[in-house]
Amino acid sequence: MNLYINGQPVSVPTGCSVAAALAIAGNGLARISVSGAPRAPLCGMGICQECRVTVDGVRRLACQTSCASGMRVEAAQ
């Protein structure tokens, strides 16, 4: 299945989480903290909130969001 991360097409297996798609696409970063530190998924179960991204215009947790064909994800670069 194909989705877009920061405007770039990424092919991922069916059932993949957005957090896994970030890793497949390259650096795995989800966001930049207010102090400027890069942040990536940490706990993998939605507790830490480190994996916040924008999915189709809505803020979501990457570890708790399943990929869908055509999905557009905006994350740290």
Protein backbone atom coordinates (compact mmCIF):
# COMPACT_ATOMS: atom_id res chain seq x y z
CA MET A 1 0.00 0.00 0.00
CA ASN A 2 1.18 3.54 -0.66
CA LEU A 3 0.91 6.64 1.50
CA TYR A 4 2.70 9.98 1.61
CA ILE A 5 5.06 11.15 4.33
CA ASN A 6 5.97 14.83 4.02
CA GLY A 7 4.78 14.68 0.42
CA GLN A 8 6.98 11.72 -0.55
CA PRO A 9 5.39 8.42 -1.58
CA VAL A 10 6.17 5.48 0.71
CA SER A 11 5.23 1.85 0.14
CA VAL A 12 4.42 -0.10 3.33
CA PRO A 13 2.98 -3.54 4.08
CA THR A 14 -0.71 -3.85 4.88
CA GLY A 15 -1.38 -3.53 8.61
CA CYS A 16 1.61 -1.25 9.18
CA SER A 17 1.38 1.53 11.78
CA VAL A 18 2.30 5.10 10.88
CA ALA A 19 5.20 4.82 13.37
CA ALA A 20 6.58 1.86 11.43
CA ALA A 21 6.03 3.73 8.16
CA LEU A 22 8.15 6.61 9.51
CA ALA A 23 10.98 4.13 10.14
CA ILE A 24 10.55 2.52 6.71
CA ALA A 25 10.65 5.96 5.08
CA GLY A 26 13.96 6.90 6.65
CA ASN A 27 14.80 8.66 9.90
CA GLY A 28 11.74 7.61 11.94
CA LEU A 29 11.25 11.09 13.38
CA ALA A 30 7.75 12.13 14.35
CA ARG A 31 8.24 15.68 15.62
CA ILE A 32 10.64 18.29 16.99
CA SER A 33 10.25 19.26 20.67
CA VAL A 34 9.90 22.87 21.83
CA SER A 35 13.59 22.79 22.78
CA GLY A 36 14.50 21.67 19.24
CA ALA A 37 15.24 18.02 20.03
CA PRO A 38 14.15 15.40 17.47
CA ARG A 39 11.51 13.01 18.85
CA ALA A 40 10.58 9.53 17.64
CA PRO A 41 8.13 6.88 18.84
CA LEU A 42 9.23 5.58 22.23
CA CYS A 43 6.64 3.47 24.06
CA GLY A 44 4.69 2.14 21.07
CA MET A 45 1.40 2.10 23.00
CA GLY A 46 0.23 5.72 23.08
CA ILE A 47 1.38 6.63 26.59
CA CYS A 48 4.45 8.80 25.92
CA GLN A 49 2.91 11.01 23.19
CA GLU A 50 6.34 11.33 21.49
CA CYS A 51 5.01 10.12 18.13
CA ARG A 52 2.51 12.92 17.43
CA VAL A 53 2.13 13.58 13.70
CA THR A 54 -0.51 15.11 11.45
CA VAL A 55 -2.49 12.54 9.46
CA ASP A 56 -4.81 13.92 6.78
CA GLY A 57 -4.94 17.24 8.66
CA VAL A 58 -5.62 15.77 12.13
CA ARG A 59 -3.06 15.37 14.95
CA ARG A 60 -2.68 11.66 15.75
CA LEU A 61 -0.35 9.27 17.54
CA ALA A 62 1.71 7.45 14.91
CA CYS A 63 2.00 4.30 17.03
CA GLN A 64 -1.78 4.00 17.36
CA THR A 65 -2.69 4.82 13.76
CA SER A 66 -2.85 2.19 11.02
CA CYS A 67 -1.72 3.18 7.56
CA ALA A 68 -4.32 3.56 4.83
CA SER A 69 -3.78 3.86 1.11
CA GLY A 70 -3.34 7.49 0.06
CA MET A 71 -2.94 8.74 3.64
CA ARG A 72 -0.94 11.96 4.01
CA VAL A 73 1.36 12.21 7.01
CA GLU A 74 3.24 15.32 8.07
CA ALA A 75 6.14 14.65 10.44
CA ALA A 76 9.55 16.08 11.38
CA GLN A 77 12.15 15.97 8.62
